Amino acid sequence: MPGLSTPRRLPPLNWLRTFEVAARTMSFTAAAQALGITQSAVSQQMRLLEATLGRRLFHRLPRGLRLTDAGQALLPLLTDAFARIADGAAEIFGESGRPRLMVRSTASFAALWLAPRIARFRRRHPEIEFRLTSSIWPADYPDLDLDLEIRYGSGNWPGLRAERLTRDALFPVCSPALRPRAPAALAQVTLLHVFGFREGWAQWLARAGLAGQVDATAGLEFDLSLVALEAAERGVGIALGRSCYVADRLASGRLVAPFETVLPSEEGFYLAAPEGREPSPAAAAFRNWITAEMAAEGAAAPPLTSRARSGRRQRRR
């Protein structure tokens, strides 16, 4: 194809692997035992390798082997290469024989909800090797290398079966130092937007009766809720907090919810898996854990709103 360089020709990797073992052990017999092949197969592979490379790799002596200069130069290169391959494969696929769980999540959900709680899953299932990757935008097609995905949307993705995790609500959140006295004061502060969601400031302002009084398009835009909430916490402006994202920050006082109006979100976070695949025991364990966590915390908005109102009543007193 245009633009692609011609790949370099290499001898068969099994020949190189056989040479590496034979050169380390200095014995065709030991190499044959280690590789599970016959001694004659080792000898034949080494003759073919030498013919392909055009150089002798071994001196065949009456009582053993000795590497040639070319063999001595090749051995450390191959030893390092095979060690790197083994380490990489172990990192990706595991080598302990323990159950392995591959989960991908949206970046903000991974940082704001999952990371603070994943230790509880690890304590409950220490036998599971857990690997989490994150993305900003989900792929249009399922990744068959993953066991589970946590996606945001309506739950309708081709090739995936999805179970809803959250029923969120949106409401303004800000630093305690920036707290406005009334919703109309939003016209004088910076609104922090996160694009990619169906609901945003325009919908919340309409629900609060402020459509036309506050410019719903003004302010700063971010592609991650994580960044918008960090900016809000530092007093840059006011963000729309998603109930499952801001519970910890509200509880600690890093953020406050100054108004009582909440906007229920039609979309939510879903736990998704490829259709037609029987879930592994590790995937089933994670599913049971995360749904129990959601149920215990009450991922929908009303409990959070009630706590926020309670906090405001206490401050008034």
Protein backbone atom coordinates (compact mmCIF):
# COMPACT_ATOMS: atom_id res chain seq x y z
CA MET A 1 0.00 0.00 0.00
CA PRO A 2 1.24 3.55 -0.68
CA GLY A 3 2.95 5.11 2.30
CA LEU A 4 3.76 1.80 3.99
CA SER A 5 7.34 0.63 4.13
CA THR A 6 8.17 -2.94 3.20
CA PRO A 7 8.52 -4.98 6.41
CA ARG A 8 11.95 -6.39 7.11
CA ARG A 9 12.26 -10.09 6.56
CA LEU A 10 12.95 -12.06 9.71
CA PRO A 11 13.75 -15.71 10.22
CA PRO A 12 10.88 -17.68 11.78
CA LEU A 13 10.53 -16.70 15.42
CA ASN A 14 10.56 -20.32 16.56
CA TRP A 15 14.07 -20.66 15.09
CA LEU A 16 15.19 -17.56 16.97
CA ARG A 17 13.61 -18.83 20.17
CA THR A 18 15.34 -22.19 19.74
CA PHE A 19 18.67 -20.45 19.22
CA GLU A 20 18.17 -18.30 22.33
CA VAL A 21 17.50 -21.32 24.53
CA ALA A 22 20.31 -23.39 23.01
CA ALA A 23 22.78 -20.50 23.34
CA ARG A 24 21.86 -19.92 26.99
CA THR A 25 22.15 -23.60 27.90
CA MET A 26 24.98 -24.32 25.43
CA SER A 27 23.31 -27.63 24.71
CA PHE A 28 21.02 -28.80 21.91
CA THR A 29 19.81 -31.57 24.23
CA ALA A 30 18.83 -29.14 27.01
CA ALA A 31 17.17 -26.84 24.48
CA ALA A 32 15.13 -29.74 23.11
CA GLN A 33 13.95 -30.66 26.60
CA ALA A 34 13.06 -27.07 27.45
CA LEU A 35 11.12 -26.53 24.22
CA GLY A 36 9.45 -29.92 24.05
CA ILE A 37 10.96 -30.90 20.69
CA THR A 38 13.56 -33.44 19.60
CA GLN A 39 17.29 -32.82 19.53
CA SER A 40 17.34 -33.42 15.80
CA ALA A 41 14.68 -30.69 15.38
CA VAL A 42 16.90 -28.28 17.30
CA SER A 43 19.88 -29.15 15.10
CA GLN A 44 17.85 -28.74 11.93
CA GLN A 45 16.43 -25.38 13.00
CA MET A 46 19.90 -24.09 13.83
CA ARG A 47 21.24 -25.16 10.43
CA LEU A 48 18.31 -23.41 8.72
CA LEU A 49 18.80 -20.29 10.84
CA GLU A 50 22.50 -20.11 10.03
CA ALA A 51 21.76 -20.60 6.33
CA THR A 52 19.15 -17.83 6.41
CA LEU A 53 21.44 -15.40 8.24
CA GLY A 54 24.49 -16.39 6.22
CA ARG A 55 26.62 -16.71 9.37
CA ARG A 56 27.66 -19.52 11.67
CA LEU A 57 26.23 -19.12 15.17
CA PHE A 58 27.81 -22.14 16.89
CA HIS A 59 31.11 -23.90 16.83
CA ARG A 60 30.22 -27.61 17.05
CA LEU A 61 32.93 -29.11 19.22
CA PRO A 62 33.52 -32.76 20.13
CA ARG A 63 32.38 -32.09 23.68
CA GLY A 64 29.84 -29.34 23.35
CA LEU A 65 29.10 -26.01 21.75
CA ARG A 66 30.72 -22.62 21.64
CA LEU A 67 29.19 -19.44 20.29
CA THR A 68 30.77 -17.68 17.34
CA ASP A 69 31.23 -13.92 17.42
CA ALA A 70 27.93 -13.58 15.53
CA GLY A 71 26.19 -15.87 18.01
CA GLN A 72 27.55 -13.91 20.96
CA ALA A 73 26.25 -10.68 19.43
CA LEU A 74 22.80 -12.13 18.69
CA LEU A 75 22.15 -13.80 22.06
CA PRO A 76 21.66 -10.71 24.31
CA LEU A 77 19.48 -9.09 21.66
CA LEU A 78 17.12 -12.05 21.55
CA THR A 79 17.16 -12.60 25.32
CA ASP A 80 16.05 -9.01 25.87
CA ALA A 81 13.43 -9.18 23.09
CA PHE A 82 11.80 -12.37 24.39
CA ALA A 83 11.84 -11.04 27.96
CA ARG A 84 10.03 -7.88 26.79
CA ILE A 85 7.44 -9.95 24.94
CA ALA A 86 6.87 -12.12 28.01
CA ASP A 87 6.54 -9.09 30.30
CA GLY A 88 4.13 -7.35 27.92
CA ALA A 89 1.96 -10.44 27.52
CA ALA A 90 1.84 -10.91 31.29
CA GLU A 91 0.82 -7.27 31.78
CA ILE A 92 -1.96 -7.48 29.20
CA PHE A 93 -3.29 -10.99 29.74
CA GLY A 94 -2.05 -11.93 33.20
CA GLU A 95 -0.06 -14.98 34.10
CA SER A 96 -1.30 -15.92 37.53
CA GLY A 97 -4.27 -17.98 36.43
CA ARG A 98 -6.57 -15.78 38.56
CA PRO A 99 -9.82 -14.42 37.13
CA ARG A 100 -9.17 -11.27 35.11
CA LEU A 101 -11.70 -8.50 34.57
CA MET A 102 -11.38 -5.88 31.81
CA VAL A 103 -13.63 -2.83 32.28
CA ARG A 104 -13.76 0.41 30.31
CA SER A 105 -15.50 3.50 31.65
CA THR A 106 -16.03 7.09 30.68
CA ALA A 107 -13.12 9.08 32.08
CA SER A 108 -15.16 11.26 34.44
CA PHE A 109 -17.19 8.37 35.86
CA ALA A 110 -13.97 6.43 36.41
CA ALA A 111 -12.37 9.32 38.30
CA LEU A 112 -15.37 10.76 40.16
CA TRP A 113 -17.40 7.68 41.06
CA LEU A 114 -15.51 4.46 40.45
CA ALA A 115 -12.01 5.27 41.68
CA PRO A 116 -13.12 6.39 45.18
CA ARG A 117 -15.04 3.11 45.63
CA ILE A 118 -12.99 0.48 43.80
CA ALA A 119 -11.12 -0.47 46.98
CA ARG A 120 -14.38 -1.90 48.30
CA PHE A 121 -14.65 -4.17 45.27
CA ARG A 122 -11.02 -5.25 45.73
CA ARG A 123 -11.63 -6.09 49.38
CA ARG A 124 -14.66 -8.17 48.46
CA HIS A 125 -12.97 -9.90 45.50
CA PRO A 126 -9.20 -9.94 46.03
CA GLU A 127 -8.93 -12.95 43.73
CA ILE A 128 -9.92 -10.91 40.65
CA GLU A 129 -7.25 -9.13 38.63
CA PHE A 130 -8.98 -5.86 37.77
CA ARG A 131 -7.99 -3.66 34.84
CA LEU A 132 -9.73 -0.34 34.16
CA THR A 133 -9.33 1.78 31.05
CA SER A 134 -11.10 5.05 30.32
CA SER A 135 -12.34 6.96 27.30
CA ILE A 136 -14.05 10.27 26.63
CA TRP A 137 -16.32 9.11 23.82
CA PRO A 138 -17.54 5.50 23.54
CA ALA A 139 -16.92 3.57 20.33
CA ASP A 140 -19.82 2.94 17.97
CA TYR A 141 -19.19 -0.79 18.16
CA PRO A 142 -18.52 -3.20 21.06
CA ASP A 143 -14.93 -4.02 21.97
CA LEU A 144 -14.88 -7.80 22.27
CA ASP A 145 -11.67 -7.67 24.33
CA LEU A 146 -13.61 -6.02 27.17
CA ASP A 147 -15.74 -7.81 29.72
CA LEU A 148 -17.82 -4.74 30.62
CA GLU A 149 -18.23 -1.08 29.72
CA ILE A 150 -19.73 1.81 31.65
CA ARG A 151 -21.34 4.09 29.07
CA TYR A 152 -23.42 7.23 29.19
CA GLY A 153 -26.49 7.65 27.03
CA SER A 154 -29.90 6.14 26.41
CA GLY A 155 -28.81 2.50 26.68
CA ASN A 156 -29.35 1.66 23.02
CA TRP A 157 -26.07 0.54 21.44
CA PRO A 158 -25.92 -2.07 18.64
CA GLY A 159 -24.22 -5.27 19.71
CA LEU A 160 -24.45 -4.47 23.42
CA ARG A 161 -26.89 -5.35 26.16
CA ALA A 162 -27.09 -2.57 28.72
CA GLU A 163 -28.41 -2.24 32.27
CA ARG A 164 -29.09 1.22 33.68
CA LEU A 165 -27.04 2.17 36.74
CA THR A 166 -27.99 5.78 37.48
CA ARG A 167 -30.97 8.11 37.29
CA ASP A 168 -29.20 11.38 37.73
CA ALA A 169 -30.31 14.94 38.21
CA LEU A 170 -28.47 18.13 37.32
CA PHE A 171 -28.17 21.16 39.59
CA PRO A 172 -25.73 24.07 39.93
CA VAL A 173 -22.68 23.54 42.15
CA CYS A 174 -19.90 25.92 43.05
CA SER A 175 -17.23 26.79 45.56
CA PRO A 176 -18.61 27.94 48.95
CA ALA A 177 -16.83 31.25 48.37
CA LEU A 178 -18.70 31.84 45.10
CA ARG A 179 -22.20 30.97 46.32
CA PRO A 180 -24.74 33.31 44.61
CA ARG A 181 -27.68 34.52 46.68
CA ALA A 182 -30.38 33.87 44.05
CA PRO A 183 -30.67 32.04 40.72
CA ALA A 184 -30.95 35.36 38.85
CA ALA A 185 -27.38 36.13 39.96
CA LEU A 186 -26.18 33.49 37.48
CA ALA A 187 -26.20 36.28 34.91
CA GLN A 188 -23.17 37.79 36.68
CA VAL A 189 -21.07 34.60 37.10
CA THR A 190 -19.24 32.32 34.68
CA LEU A 191 -21.19 29.25 33.63
CA LEU A 192 -19.14 26.09 33.15
CA HIS A 193 -20.41 23.84 30.35
CA VAL A 194 -19.64 20.20 29.50
CA PHE A 195 -20.44 19.40 25.89
CA GLY A 196 -21.60 15.99 24.72
CA PHE A 197 -24.63 15.74 27.03
CA ARG A 198 -28.25 16.10 25.99
CA GLU A 199 -29.17 18.28 28.96
CA GLY A 200 -27.27 21.38 29.98
CA TRP A 201 -27.61 24.92 31.22
CA ALA A 202 -30.36 25.84 28.74
CA GLN A 203 -32.64 23.11 30.08
CA TRP A 204 -31.87 23.84 33.73
CA LEU A 205 -32.44 27.60 33.29
CA ALA A 206 -35.77 26.92 31.59
CA ARG A 207 -36.82 24.67 34.47
CA ALA A 208 -35.80 27.37 36.96
CA GLY A 209 -37.85 29.99 35.08
CA LEU A 210 -34.78 31.92 33.95
CA ALA A 211 -34.94 31.33 30.20
CA GLY A 212 -34.07 34.60 28.49
CA GLN A 213 -32.75 36.18 31.70
CA VAL A 214 -29.42 34.31 31.74
CA ASP A 215 -27.37 33.61 28.60
CA ALA A 216 -27.22 29.82 28.50
CA THR A 217 -24.40 29.83 25.93
CA ALA A 218 -21.95 32.12 27.72
CA GLY A 219 -19.05 30.85 29.80
CA LEU A 220 -16.38 28.17 29.49
CA GLU A 221 -16.68 24.78 27.79
CA PHE A 222 -15.02 21.50 28.73
CA ASP A 223 -15.11 18.00 27.31
CA LEU A 224 -14.89 16.34 30.74
CA SER A 225 -17.13 16.79 33.77
CA LEU A 226 -14.07 16.03 35.86
CA VAL A 227 -12.37 19.21 34.64
CA ALA A 228 -15.50 21.36 34.92
CA LEU A 229 -16.05 20.30 38.54
CA GLU A 230 -12.40 20.94 39.38
CA ALA A 231 -12.77 24.43 37.93
CA ALA A 232 -15.95 24.97 39.94
CA GLU A 233 -14.25 23.84 43.13
CA ARG A 234 -11.49 26.40 42.52
CA GLY A 235 -13.97 29.23 42.11
CA VAL A 236 -13.68 29.66 38.34
CA GLY A 237 -17.45 29.53 37.88
CA ILE A 238 -20.59 27.48 38.45
CA ALA A 239 -21.02 24.02 36.93
CA LEU A 240 -24.01 21.78 36.53
CA GLY A 241 -23.34 18.97 38.97
CA ARG A 242 -24.47 15.48 38.08
CA SER A 243 -25.84 13.77 41.17
CA CYS A 244 -23.66 10.67 40.94
CA TYR A 245 -20.56 12.85 40.40
CA VAL A 246 -20.84 15.42 43.16
CA ALA A 247 -21.95 13.47 46.23
CA ASP A 248 -18.46 13.27 47.71
CA ARG A 249 -17.67 16.92 47.03
CA LEU A 250 -20.96 18.07 48.55
CA ALA A 251 -20.49 15.89 51.61
CA SER A 252 -16.98 17.26 52.20
CA GLY A 253 -18.03 20.86 51.62
CA ARG A 254 -15.68 21.39 48.69
CA LEU A 255 -18.75 22.19 46.61
CA VAL A 256 -22.17 23.51 47.56
CA ALA A 257 -25.53 23.33 45.78
CA PRO A 258 -26.93 26.87 46.23
CA PHE A 259 -30.36 26.37 44.66
CA GLU A 260 -33.18 23.87 45.10
CA THR A 261 -34.14 23.42 41.45
CA VAL A 262 -32.99 20.11 39.98
CA LEU A 263 -33.27 18.86 36.41
CA PRO A 264 -33.87 15.10 36.06
CA SER A 265 -31.69 13.62 33.35
CA GLU A 266 -33.30 11.46 30.70
CA GLU A 267 -29.99 9.75 30.01
CA GLY A 268 -27.79 7.92 32.48
CA PHE A 269 -24.87 5.58 33.02
CA TYR A 270 -25.24 1.98 31.90
CA LEU A 271 -23.30 -1.19 32.46
CA ALA A 272 -22.89 -2.77 29.04
CA ALA A 273 -21.56 -6.09 27.76
CA PRO A 274 -21.39 -7.72 24.31
CA GLU A 275 -24.61 -9.41 23.28
CA GLY A 276 -24.59 -13.17 23.16
CA ARG A 277 -21.63 -13.57 25.51
CA GLU A 278 -22.15 -15.37 28.79
CA PRO A 279 -20.70 -13.18 31.55
CA SER A 280 -17.63 -14.54 33.28
CA PRO A 281 -17.75 -15.09 37.04
CA ALA A 282 -15.56 -11.98 37.44
CA ALA A 283 -17.93 -9.88 35.30
CA ALA A 284 -20.94 -11.18 37.25
CA ALA A 285 -19.21 -10.31 40.52
CA PHE A 286 -18.53 -6.75 39.34
CA ARG A 287 -22.09 -6.34 38.12
CA ASN A 288 -23.49 -7.48 41.47
CA TRP A 289 -21.12 -5.17 43.34
CA ILE A 290 -21.77 -2.01 41.34
CA THR A 291 -25.54 -2.41 41.32
CA ALA A 292 -25.50 -2.97 45.09
CA GLU A 293 -23.36 0.16 45.54
CA MET A 294 -25.76 2.20 43.44
CA ALA A 295 -28.76 0.92 45.37
CA ALA A 296 -27.12 1.61 48.73
CA GLU A 297 -26.09 5.15 47.80
CA GLY A 298 -29.26 6.09 45.98
CA ALA A 299 -27.70 7.30 42.74
CA ALA A 300 -30.79 9.35 41.82
CA ALA A 301 -31.08 13.02 42.71
CA PRO A 302 -33.70 13.28 45.48
CA PRO A 303 -31.51 12.03 48.39
CA LEU A 304 -28.74 14.41 47.37
CA THR A 305 -31.18 17.26 46.98
CA SER A 306 -32.67 16.55 50.39
CA ARG A 307 -29.25 16.62 51.99
CA ALA A 308 -28.41 19.87 50.23
CA ARG A 309 -31.67 21.43 51.42
CA SER A 310 -31.02 20.19 54.93
CA GLY A 311 -27.60 21.80 54.86
CA ARG A 312 -29.07 25.10 53.70
CA ARG A 313 -31.70 25.03 56.49
CA GLN A 314 -28.96 24.43 59.04
CA ARG A 315 -26.97 27.36 57.68
CA ARG A 316 -30.05 29.59 57.89
CA ARG A 317 -30.42 28.65 61.52
